[in-house]
N, C-alpha and C. Protein backbone atom coordinates (compact mmCIF):
# COMPACT_ATOMS: atom_id res chain seq x y z
N MET A 1 -69.77 49.96 3.63
CA MET A 1 -69.04 48.61 4.38
C MET A 1 -68.94 49.26 5.85
N VAL A 2 -69.13 48.84 7.07
CA VAL A 2 -68.70 49.72 8.60
C VAL A 2 -67.44 49.63 9.09
N TYR A 3 -66.69 51.03 8.61
CA TYR A 3 -65.50 50.43 9.05
C TYR A 3 -64.95 50.08 10.53
N ILE A 4 -64.59 49.99 11.46
CA ILE A 4 -64.01 49.48 12.87
C ILE A 4 -62.87 50.09 13.04
N GLY A 5 -63.28 50.81 14.73
CA GLY A 5 -62.28 52.04 15.26
C GLY A 5 -61.79 50.75 16.35
N LEU A 6 -61.40 51.81 17.31
CA LEU A 6 -60.28 50.81 17.94
C LEU A 6 -60.99 49.74 19.30
N GLY A 7 -62.05 50.16 19.49
CA GLY A 7 -61.78 48.86 20.54
C GLY A 7 -61.89 47.77 20.21
N ARG A 8 -62.96 46.98 18.93
CA ARG A 8 -62.94 45.76 18.53
C ARG A 8 -61.23 45.74 18.15
N ARG A 9 -60.91 45.84 17.66
CA ARG A 9 -58.89 46.68 16.74
C ARG A 9 -58.39 45.58 18.06
N PHE A 10 -58.52 46.76 19.26
CA PHE A 10 -57.40 46.55 20.41
C PHE A 10 -58.34 45.06 20.77
N VAL A 11 -59.12 44.63 21.38
CA VAL A 11 -59.01 42.96 21.56
C VAL A 11 -58.87 42.02 20.18
N ALA A 12 -59.31 42.24 19.17
CA ALA A 12 -58.74 41.56 18.42
C ALA A 12 -56.91 41.40 18.44
N TRP A 13 -56.68 42.62 18.42
CA TRP A 13 -54.96 42.87 18.64
C TRP A 13 -53.95 41.57 19.89
N LEU A 14 -54.97 42.18 21.50
CA LEU A 14 -54.63 41.32 22.35
C LEU A 14 -55.19 39.63 22.06
N VAL A 15 -55.62 39.23 21.40
CA VAL A 15 -55.51 38.08 20.86
C VAL A 15 -54.70 37.71 19.98
N ASP A 16 -54.62 38.33 19.68
CA ASP A 16 -53.06 37.87 18.31
C ASP A 16 -51.87 37.76 19.39
N VAL A 17 -52.13 38.98 20.73
CA VAL A 17 -50.64 39.13 21.38
C VAL A 17 -50.43 37.40 21.89
N LEU A 18 -51.92 37.26 21.88
CA LEU A 18 -51.42 35.60 22.89
C LEU A 18 -51.19 34.43 22.11
N VAL A 19 -51.88 34.62 20.94
CA VAL A 19 -51.48 32.96 19.68
C VAL A 19 -50.03 33.39 19.39
N THR A 20 -49.34 34.48 19.08
CA THR A 20 -48.02 34.58 18.33
C THR A 20 -47.38 34.45 20.03
N GLY A 21 -47.65 35.04 21.07
CA GLY A 21 -46.86 34.77 22.06
C GLY A 21 -46.62 33.38 22.50
N LEU A 22 -47.60 32.43 22.04
CA LEU A 22 -47.78 30.80 21.95
C LEU A 22 -46.55 30.64 21.30
N ALA A 23 -46.76 31.22 20.00
CA ALA A 23 -45.46 30.61 19.20
C ALA A 23 -44.09 31.30 19.10
N TRP A 24 -44.17 32.34 20.01
CA TRP A 24 -43.05 32.31 20.47
C TRP A 24 -41.78 31.30 21.52
N MET A 25 -42.42 30.91 21.81
CA MET A 25 -41.91 30.74 23.21
C MET A 25 -41.37 29.38 22.42
N ALA A 26 -41.77 28.52 21.23
CA ALA A 26 -41.04 27.41 20.40
C ALA A 26 -39.56 28.09 21.02
N PHE A 27 -39.24 29.04 20.92
CA PHE A 27 -37.58 29.89 20.54
C PHE A 27 -37.16 30.46 21.91
N ALA A 28 -37.75 30.34 22.37
CA ALA A 28 -37.80 31.37 23.80
C ALA A 28 -35.95 29.75 24.68
N GLU A 29 -35.37 30.70 25.17
CA GLU A 29 -34.72 30.66 26.61
C GLU A 29 -35.41 30.80 28.64
N THR A 30 -35.47 29.30 28.64
CA THR A 30 -35.63 29.74 30.45
C THR A 30 -34.60 29.27 31.15
N GLU A 31 -35.16 29.88 32.63
CA GLU A 31 -34.21 29.62 33.45
C GLU A 31 -35.14 29.74 34.72
N SER A 32 -35.07 28.79 35.67
CA SER A 32 -35.63 29.17 36.87
C SER A 32 -34.91 28.93 38.14
N GLY A 33 -34.82 29.55 39.18
CA GLY A 33 -34.31 29.70 40.63
C GLY A 33 -34.50 30.57 41.43
N ASP A 34 -34.15 29.91 42.89
CA ASP A 34 -34.57 31.16 43.09
C ASP A 34 -34.79 32.08 43.41
N GLY A 35 -36.32 31.38 43.59
CA GLY A 35 -37.91 32.47 43.21
C GLY A 35 -38.44 32.98 42.10
N THR A 36 -37.36 32.72 40.78
CA THR A 36 -37.21 34.02 39.60
C THR A 36 -37.77 32.37 38.27
N PHE A 37 -38.01 33.43 37.55
CA PHE A 37 -38.50 32.79 36.72
C PHE A 37 -37.99 33.77 35.40
N THR A 38 -37.35 33.26 33.89
CA THR A 38 -36.81 34.37 33.42
C THR A 38 -37.24 33.60 31.87
N ILE A 39 -37.77 34.64 30.82
CA ILE A 39 -37.47 33.92 29.51
C ILE A 39 -36.92 35.01 28.77
N ARG A 40 -35.74 34.50 27.72
CA ARG A 40 -35.20 35.46 26.78
C ARG A 40 -34.85 34.98 25.62
N TRP A 41 -35.36 36.03 24.43
CA TRP A 41 -34.19 34.81 23.26
C TRP A 41 -32.81 36.08 22.95
N GLU A 42 -31.88 34.66 22.32
CA GLU A 42 -30.91 35.50 21.84
C GLU A 42 -30.49 35.32 20.83
N GLY A 43 -29.30 35.64 19.87
CA GLY A 43 -28.72 35.66 19.13
C GLY A 43 -30.09 35.23 17.74
N MET A 44 -29.71 34.76 17.06
CA MET A 44 -30.74 34.03 15.76
C MET A 44 -32.19 33.91 16.35
N ASP A 45 -32.29 33.44 17.47
CA ASP A 45 -33.39 33.24 18.37
C ASP A 45 -34.19 34.26 18.17
N ALA A 46 -33.88 35.31 18.82
CA ALA A 46 -33.97 36.86 19.05
C ALA A 46 -35.14 37.27 17.26
N VAL A 47 -34.72 36.74 16.70
CA VAL A 47 -34.97 36.83 14.64
C VAL A 47 -36.21 36.29 14.63
N TRP A 48 -36.63 34.86 15.09
CA TRP A 48 -37.87 34.25 15.55
C TRP A 48 -38.96 34.83 15.19
N PRO A 49 -38.85 35.30 16.18
CA PRO A 49 -40.15 35.88 17.37
C PRO A 49 -40.96 37.14 16.20
N VAL A 50 -40.01 37.80 15.82
CA VAL A 50 -40.52 38.68 14.73
C VAL A 50 -40.58 37.83 13.13
N LEU A 51 -40.40 37.14 12.57
CA LEU A 51 -40.69 36.94 11.26
C LEU A 51 -41.94 35.54 11.83
N ILE A 52 -42.02 35.47 12.58
CA ILE A 52 -43.59 34.39 13.41
C ILE A 52 -44.48 35.58 13.01
N THR A 53 -44.57 36.67 13.48
CA THR A 53 -45.67 37.62 13.93
C THR A 53 -46.03 37.88 12.33
N LEU A 54 -45.02 38.19 11.58
CA LEU A 54 -45.10 39.07 10.75
C LEU A 54 -45.89 38.24 9.23
N ALA A 55 -45.26 37.02 9.42
CA ALA A 55 -45.87 35.98 8.50
C ALA A 55 -47.49 35.74 9.46
N TYR A 56 -47.17 35.45 10.43
CA TYR A 56 -48.89 35.32 10.89
C TYR A 56 -49.89 36.45 10.46
N PHE A 57 -49.24 37.63 11.40
CA PHE A 57 -50.51 38.86 9.82
C PHE A 57 -50.40 38.89 8.71
N VAL A 58 -49.34 38.73 8.10
CA VAL A 58 -49.67 38.58 6.29
C VAL A 58 -50.34 37.43 6.19
N VAL A 59 -49.50 35.98 6.12
CA VAL A 59 -50.45 34.64 5.64
C VAL A 59 -52.45 34.80 6.13
N LEU A 60 -52.05 35.60 7.28
CA LEU A 60 -53.46 35.12 8.11
C LEU A 60 -55.01 35.84 6.95
N GLU A 61 -53.76 37.78 6.83
CA GLU A 61 -54.98 38.55 6.52
C GLU A 61 -55.21 38.15 5.21
N ARG A 62 -54.14 38.02 4.49
CA ARG A 62 -54.30 37.80 2.63
C ARG A 62 -54.82 36.12 2.49
N VAL A 63 -55.01 35.10 3.46
CA VAL A 63 -55.68 33.91 2.72
C VAL A 63 -57.21 34.38 3.62
N PHE A 64 -57.15 34.67 4.93
CA PHE A 64 -58.32 34.87 4.90
C PHE A 64 -59.07 35.80 5.56
N GLY A 65 -58.49 37.13 5.24
CA GLY A 65 -58.75 38.35 5.48
C GLY A 65 -58.81 38.80 6.98
N ALA A 66 -58.14 38.27 7.57
CA ALA A 66 -58.67 37.87 9.06
C ALA A 66 -57.39 37.23 10.11
N THR A 67 -56.91 37.74 11.17
CA THR A 67 -56.35 36.80 11.91
C THR A 67 -57.16 36.15 12.79
N ILE A 68 -56.62 35.20 14.10
CA ILE A 68 -57.59 35.07 14.72
C ILE A 68 -58.37 35.59 15.58
N GLY A 69 -56.93 36.78 16.21
CA GLY A 69 -57.96 38.04 16.57
C GLY A 69 -58.97 38.67 15.89
N LYS A 70 -58.87 38.79 14.60
CA LYS A 70 -59.85 39.26 13.91
C LYS A 70 -61.16 38.73 13.96
N LEU A 71 -61.00 37.21 13.60
CA LEU A 71 -62.20 36.40 13.00
C LEU A 71 -63.06 36.56 14.73
N VAL A 72 -62.29 36.45 15.57
CA VAL A 72 -62.92 36.15 17.12
C VAL A 72 -63.78 37.42 16.94
N VAL A 73 -63.37 39.33 16.67
CA VAL A 73 -64.12 39.73 16.89
C VAL A 73 -64.96 40.23 15.85
N GLY A 74 -65.33 39.51 14.86
CA GLY A 74 -66.06 39.70 13.78
C GLY A 74 -65.89 40.72 12.84
N ILE A 75 -64.47 41.13 12.36
CA ILE A 75 -63.72 42.15 11.85
C ILE A 75 -63.07 41.00 10.48
N ARG A 76 -62.67 42.32 9.68
CA ARG A 76 -61.97 41.74 8.09
C ARG A 76 -61.25 43.22 7.95
N VAL A 77 -59.91 42.63 7.00
CA VAL A 77 -59.58 43.59 6.17
C VAL A 77 -59.43 43.34 4.74
N ARG A 78 -60.06 44.63 4.56
CA ARG A 78 -60.21 44.59 2.95
C ARG A 78 -59.73 45.99 2.04
N LEU A 79 -59.65 46.13 0.97
CA LEU A 79 -58.95 47.08 -0.17
C LEU A 79 -59.85 48.01 0.89
N LEU A 80 -59.61 49.13 -0.27
CA LEU A 80 -61.10 50.52 -0.30
C LEU A 80 -62.07 49.77 -1.01
N ASP A 81 -61.77 49.01 -1.99
CA ASP A 81 -63.10 49.01 -2.53
C ASP A 81 -64.19 47.84 -1.96
N GLY A 82 -63.85 47.47 -0.96
CA GLY A 82 -64.01 46.27 -0.33
C GLY A 82 -63.46 45.00 -0.95
N SER A 83 -62.94 44.84 -1.84
CA SER A 83 -62.16 43.59 -1.79
C SER A 83 -61.48 43.11 -1.36
N ARG A 84 -60.85 41.87 -1.32
CA ARG A 84 -60.21 40.47 -0.73
C ARG A 84 -58.52 41.58 -0.64
N ILE A 85 -57.78 41.09 0.24
CA ILE A 85 -56.49 42.28 0.27
C ILE A 85 -55.75 41.06 -0.38
N ALA A 86 -54.60 41.35 -1.25
CA ALA A 86 -53.77 41.26 -1.34
C ALA A 86 -52.26 40.68 -1.24
N TRP A 87 -51.38 40.07 -1.23
CA TRP A 87 -50.17 39.80 -0.86
C TRP A 87 -49.45 41.49 -0.13
N GLY A 88 -49.31 42.59 -1.24
CA GLY A 88 -48.42 43.52 -1.66
C GLY A 88 -49.47 44.44 -0.42
N PRO A 89 -50.75 44.70 -0.17
CA PRO A 89 -51.13 45.32 0.54
C PRO A 89 -50.56 44.77 1.92
N ALA A 90 -50.90 43.11 1.91
CA ALA A 90 -51.01 42.60 3.67
C ALA A 90 -49.02 42.87 4.37
N LEU A 91 -48.46 43.03 3.07
CA LEU A 91 -47.17 42.91 3.96
C LEU A 91 -47.01 44.25 4.50
N VAL A 92 -47.55 45.17 3.57
CA VAL A 92 -46.71 47.22 3.61
C VAL A 92 -47.47 46.96 4.65
N ARG A 93 -49.50 46.92 5.27
CA ARG A 93 -49.71 46.97 5.91
C ARG A 93 -49.70 46.50 7.93
N ASN A 94 -48.43 45.17 7.95
CA ASN A 94 -48.05 44.95 9.04
C ASN A 94 -46.30 45.10 8.60
N ILE A 95 -45.61 45.83 7.94
CA ILE A 95 -44.20 46.37 8.17
C ILE A 95 -44.70 47.58 8.60
N ALA A 96 -45.27 48.20 8.64
CA ALA A 96 -46.01 49.86 8.93
C ALA A 96 -46.57 49.43 10.02
N ARG A 97 -46.46 48.25 10.95
CA ARG A 97 -46.64 48.32 12.35
C ARG A 97 -45.22 48.81 13.44
N VAL A 98 -44.48 49.12 12.62
CA VAL A 98 -43.39 49.76 13.38
C VAL A 98 -43.34 50.66 13.90
N VAL A 99 -43.85 51.49 12.63
CA VAL A 99 -44.33 52.98 12.33
C VAL A 99 -45.58 53.32 14.01
N ASP A 100 -46.81 52.11 12.86
CA ASP A 100 -48.26 52.30 14.09
C ASP A 100 -47.40 52.23 15.81
N ALA A 101 -46.85 50.93 15.61
CA ALA A 101 -46.42 50.35 17.44
C ALA A 101 -45.79 51.57 18.17
N LEU A 102 -45.31 52.98 17.72
CA LEU A 102 -45.24 54.12 18.26
C LEU A 102 -45.83 54.66 19.04
N PRO A 103 -45.17 55.50 20.45
CA PRO A 103 -43.74 55.11 21.00
C PRO A 103 -44.64 53.35 21.82
N TYR A 104 -43.09 52.68 21.78
CA TYR A 104 -43.60 51.33 22.52
C TYR A 104 -43.59 50.81 23.88
N ALA A 105 -43.28 52.56 24.51
CA ALA A 105 -43.70 52.18 25.88
C ALA A 105 -45.46 52.27 25.95
N ILE A 106 -45.94 52.72 24.74
CA ILE A 106 -47.40 52.88 25.17
C ILE A 106 -47.89 52.23 23.51
N PRO A 107 -48.01 50.93 23.48
CA PRO A 107 -48.21 50.34 22.20
C PRO A 107 -49.29 50.71 21.28
N TYR A 108 -49.04 51.63 20.27
CA TYR A 108 -49.74 51.73 18.99
C TYR A 108 -50.68 52.68 19.64
N LEU A 109 -50.09 53.91 19.99
CA LEU A 109 -50.37 55.31 20.16
C LEU A 109 -50.55 56.05 18.89
N VAL A 110 -49.64 56.15 18.01
CA VAL A 110 -49.38 56.71 16.81
C VAL A 110 -50.77 55.70 16.17
N GLY A 111 -50.81 54.51 15.83
CA GLY A 111 -51.76 54.22 15.33
C GLY A 111 -53.51 54.29 15.36
N ALA A 112 -53.60 54.51 17.14
CA ALA A 112 -54.63 54.71 17.71
C ALA A 112 -54.95 56.03 17.33
N ILE A 113 -53.78 57.50 17.04
CA ILE A 113 -54.35 58.42 16.50
C ILE A 113 -54.77 59.06 15.61
N ALA A 114 -54.03 58.06 14.32
CA ALA A 114 -54.38 57.77 12.90
C ALA A 114 -55.58 57.47 12.89
N LEU A 115 -55.76 56.40 13.28
CA LEU A 115 -57.49 55.65 13.01
C LEU A 115 -58.42 56.99 13.78
N ASN A 116 -58.20 57.22 14.63
CA ASN A 116 -59.26 58.44 15.58
C ASN A 116 -59.41 59.10 14.55
N ARG A 117 -58.72 59.93 13.50
CA ARG A 117 -58.60 60.89 12.91
C ARG A 117 -59.31 60.73 11.52
N SER A 118 -59.13 59.44 11.24
CA SER A 118 -59.30 58.75 9.57
C SER A 118 -61.11 58.69 9.45
N ASP A 119 -61.73 59.47 8.60
CA ASP A 119 -63.27 58.81 8.83
C ASP A 119 -62.97 57.39 8.33
N THR A 120 -62.59 56.60 7.36
CA THR A 120 -62.34 55.09 7.14
C THR A 120 -61.74 54.56 8.31
N LYS A 121 -61.39 55.13 9.45
CA LYS A 121 -60.86 54.33 10.48
C LYS A 121 -59.60 53.36 10.32
N GLN A 122 -58.82 54.50 9.47
CA GLN A 122 -57.40 53.37 8.83
C GLN A 122 -55.85 54.24 9.93
N ARG A 123 -55.47 53.30 10.24
CA ARG A 123 -53.72 53.46 11.01
C ARG A 123 -53.08 53.94 9.87
N LEU A 124 -51.85 53.82 10.08
CA LEU A 124 -51.56 54.74 9.32
C LEU A 124 -51.13 53.67 8.01
N GLY A 125 -50.58 52.32 8.57
CA GLY A 125 -50.40 51.56 7.60
C GLY A 125 -51.79 50.93 6.63
N ASP A 126 -52.67 50.93 7.18
CA ASP A 126 -54.40 50.63 6.39
C ASP A 126 -53.30 51.75 5.20
N ARG A 127 -53.38 53.26 6.21
CA ARG A 127 -52.99 54.03 4.63
C ARG A 127 -52.26 53.89 3.60
N TRP A 128 -51.39 53.24 4.15
CA TRP A 128 -50.11 53.27 3.16
C TRP A 128 -50.26 52.07 2.21
N ALA A 129 -51.01 50.54 2.45
CA ALA A 129 -51.16 49.42 1.75
C ALA A 129 -53.01 49.96 1.06
N LYS A 130 -53.28 51.23 1.44
CA LYS A 130 -54.83 50.87 1.24
C LYS A 130 -55.98 50.17 1.42
N THR A 131 -56.26 49.80 2.03
CA THR A 131 -56.65 49.09 3.18
C THR A 131 -57.56 49.48 4.42
N VAL A 132 -58.48 48.79 4.57
CA VAL A 132 -59.86 48.86 5.89
C VAL A 132 -60.48 47.98 6.53
N VAL A 133 -60.33 48.02 7.71
CA VAL A 133 -60.76 46.86 8.54
C VAL A 133 -62.47 46.90 8.81
N VAL A 134 -63.14 46.62 8.22
CA VAL A 134 -64.84 46.23 8.18
C VAL A 134 -65.06 45.36 9.43
N LEU A 135 -66.44 45.67 9.52
CA LEU A 135 -67.36 44.20 10.00
C LEU A 135 -67.40 43.39 9.12
N VAL A 136 -67.34 42.36 9.36
CA VAL A 136 -67.78 40.98 8.65
C VAL A 136 -69.16 41.16 8.06
N GLY A 137 -69.54 40.40 6.64
CA GLY A 137 -70.76 40.82 6.06
C GLY A 137 -70.94 42.49 5.82
N THR A 138 -70.27 42.93 6.14
CA THR A 138 -70.59 44.10 5.40
C THR A 138 -69.41 44.52 3.81
N ASP A 139 -68.60 44.01 3.64
CA ASP A 139 -67.97 43.80 2.44
C ASP A 139 -68.32 43.65 1.33
N ARG A 140 -67.50 43.89 0.15
CA ARG A 140 -68.24 43.71 -1.25
C ARG A 140 -68.75 42.37 -1.16
N THR A 141 -67.81 41.45 -1.02
CA THR A 141 -67.73 39.87 -1.61
C THR A 141 -69.17 39.46 -0.22
N ALA A 142 -69.86 40.33 0.53
CA ALA A 142 -70.98 39.71 1.65
C ALA A 142 -72.18 40.07 1.03
N THR A 143 -72.05 41.15 -0.46
CA THR A 143 -72.93 42.20 -0.60
C THR A 143 -73.55 41.38 -2.08
N GLY A 144 -72.90 40.55 -2.23
CA GLY A 144 -72.51 40.22 -4.29
C GLY A 144 -71.94 41.59 -5.01
N GLY A 145 -70.77 42.16 -4.08
CA GLY A 145 -70.28 42.95 -5.15
C GLY A 145 -70.45 44.60 -5.44
N GLY A 146 -71.72 44.47 -4.87
CA GLY A 146 -72.46 45.55 -5.30
C GLY A 146 -71.85 46.78 -3.75
N ALA A 147 -71.96 47.90 -4.14
CA ALA A 147 -71.53 49.47 -2.86
C ALA A 147 -72.83 48.97 -1.86
N GLN A 148 -72.31 49.34 -0.58
CA GLN A 148 -73.00 49.71 0.35
C GLN A 148 -72.36 51.25 0.67
N PRO A 149 -73.67 51.50 1.73
CA PRO A 149 -73.01 52.89 2.21
C PRO A 149 -72.07 52.69 3.31
N ALA A 150 -71.18 53.54 3.48
CA ALA A 150 -70.53 53.50 4.79
C ALA A 150 -70.67 54.12 6.26
N LEU A 151 -70.18 52.85 6.79
CA LEU A 151 -70.60 54.34 8.14
C LEU A 151 -69.66 53.94 9.01
N THR A 152 -69.31 54.33 10.50
CA THR A 152 -68.46 54.34 10.76
C THR A 152 -68.45 54.02 12.44
N ALA A 153 -67.48 54.14 13.35
CA ALA A 153 -67.91 53.65 14.78
C ALA A 153 -68.51 54.99 15.28
N ASP A 154 -68.58 56.24 14.37
CA ASP A 154 -69.25 57.68 15.37
C ASP A 154 -70.96 57.25 15.15
N HIS A 155 -71.18 55.89 14.64
CA HIS A 155 -72.80 55.23 14.40
C HIS A 155 -72.87 54.86 15.29
N GLY A 156 -71.75 53.99 15.99
CA GLY A 156 -72.29 53.13 17.01
C GLY A 156 -71.38 52.17 17.00
N PRO A 157 -71.16 51.45 18.05
CA PRO A 157 -70.40 49.90 17.60
C PRO A 157 -70.47 49.09 17.29
N PHE A 158 -72.01 49.44 16.91
CA PHE A 158 -72.28 48.06 16.29
C PHE A 158 -73.65 48.57 14.98
N ALA A 159 -73.11 49.53 14.41
CA ALA A 159 -73.75 50.05 13.54
C ALA A 159 -73.53 49.22 11.87
N MET A 160 -74.87 48.94 11.42
CA MET A 160 -75.07 48.74 10.37
C MET A 160 -75.48 49.42 9.03
N PRO A 161 -75.25 49.64 8.06
CA PRO A 161 -75.77 49.99 6.97
C PRO A 161 -77.08 50.13 7.14
N SER A 162 -77.72 50.73 6.47
CA SER A 162 -79.25 50.91 5.85
C SER A 162 -79.07 50.75 4.57
N PRO A 163 -79.88 49.10 4.43
CA PRO A 163 -80.67 49.10 3.31
C PRO A 163 -80.70 49.78 1.89
N PRO A 164 -80.45 49.70 0.98
CA PRO A 164 -81.06 50.68 -0.24
C PRO A 164 -82.69 50.65 -0.32
N PRO A 165 -83.32 52.03 -0.78
CA PRO A 165 -84.13 52.32 -0.69
C PRO A 165 -84.99 51.33 -1.91
N GLY A 166 -86.33 51.00 -1.08
CA GLY A 166 -87.32 50.27 -1.65
C GLY A 166 -86.87 48.38 -1.42
N THR A 167 -85.66 48.33 -0.59
CA THR A 167 -85.44 46.59 -0.26
C THR A 167 -85.76 46.70 1.08
N ALA A 168 -85.88 45.46 1.26
CA ALA A 168 -86.26 44.79 2.89
C ALA A 168 -85.01 44.77 3.32
N PRO A 169 -85.61 44.85 4.95
CA PRO A 169 -83.98 44.99 5.58
C PRO A 169 -83.51 43.61 5.90
N VAL A 170 -82.16 43.54 6.07
CA VAL A 170 -81.45 41.96 6.19
C VAL A 170 -81.04 41.72 7.10
N ASP A 171 -81.79 40.40 7.85
CA ASP A 171 -81.87 39.85 9.20
C ASP A 171 -80.18 39.74 9.16
N ASP A 172 -79.42 40.59 10.32
CA ASP A 172 -78.47 40.86 10.17
C ASP A 172 -77.49 38.84 10.72
N ARG A 173 -78.76 38.15 11.71
CA ARG A 173 -77.86 36.47 11.76
C ARG A 173 -77.87 36.04 10.46
N ALA A 174 -78.77 36.14 9.51
CA ALA A 174 -78.85 35.37 8.57
C ALA A 174 -77.66 36.32 7.41
N ARG A 175 -77.00 37.01 7.63
CA ARG A 175 -75.96 37.93 6.80
C ARG A 175 -74.44 37.20 7.85
N GLY A 176 -74.80 36.64 8.68
CA GLY A 176 -73.24 36.92 9.40
C GLY A 176 -73.10 37.68 10.54
N GLY A 177 -73.24 39.27 10.18
CA GLY A 177 -73.08 40.02 11.60
C GLY A 177 -73.97 40.49 12.26
N LEU A 178 -73.59 40.90 13.55
CA LEU A 178 -73.61 41.12 14.53
C LEU A 178 -75.44 41.77 14.80
N PRO A 179 -76.32 41.08 16.03
CA PRO A 179 -77.08 41.94 15.88
C PRO A 179 -77.32 43.41 16.08
N PRO A 180 -78.47 44.27 15.94
CA PRO A 180 -78.25 45.64 16.16
C PRO A 180 -78.47 45.57 17.53
N PRO A 181 -77.83 46.60 17.77
CA PRO A 181 -78.11 47.03 19.80
C PRO A 181 -79.15 47.50 20.83
N PRO A 182 -79.41 47.18 21.40
CA PRO A 182 -80.91 48.02 22.02
C PRO A 182 -80.97 49.05 22.13
N PRO A 183 -82.02 49.48 21.75
CA PRO A 183 -82.78 50.99 21.91
C PRO A 183 -81.99 52.10 22.29
N SER A 184 -81.31 53.04 22.60
CA SER A 184 -81.21 53.87 23.30
C SER A 184 -82.21 54.46 24.36
N PRO A 185 -81.65 54.58 25.64
CA PRO A 185 -82.98 54.85 26.65
C PRO A 185 -82.88 56.56 26.00
């Protein structure tokens, strides 16, 4: 499995913020006048954005293995053994975002530090849920259940596992992954 570091996960998070932000707007109160525009959530309407966001991440990661943002950048959430994520781990890793997102003035600083200190690129929520974020096509389901050598972002952002000895290399495009990077100068 190719474990995904901060770069792709950040881009996926930005896409997910845009998607959930659009869903939040249905519960927002807006005002405009005197050259200002105000958006706010009050009372029970303030609870809906939290519930929408939690449901978005939990349901999509359980059902599809990825949110819309993760699908856009070609990554997915898996259990440590490469199998599909279940409801429990999906809920745990997403409730843990409250801790990973600390301090809120610099979102996800705690999660980024945990991710960069982990050989398997896990934020705290991933560790507690026993999940990893991997490149599409490098998990157990993509390889028919067999184990693959683990690589991390330390081998480059588009690092791909080597094929087992005695086998022909797999064409990344046929497998649904990204093409290998150009040779370094």
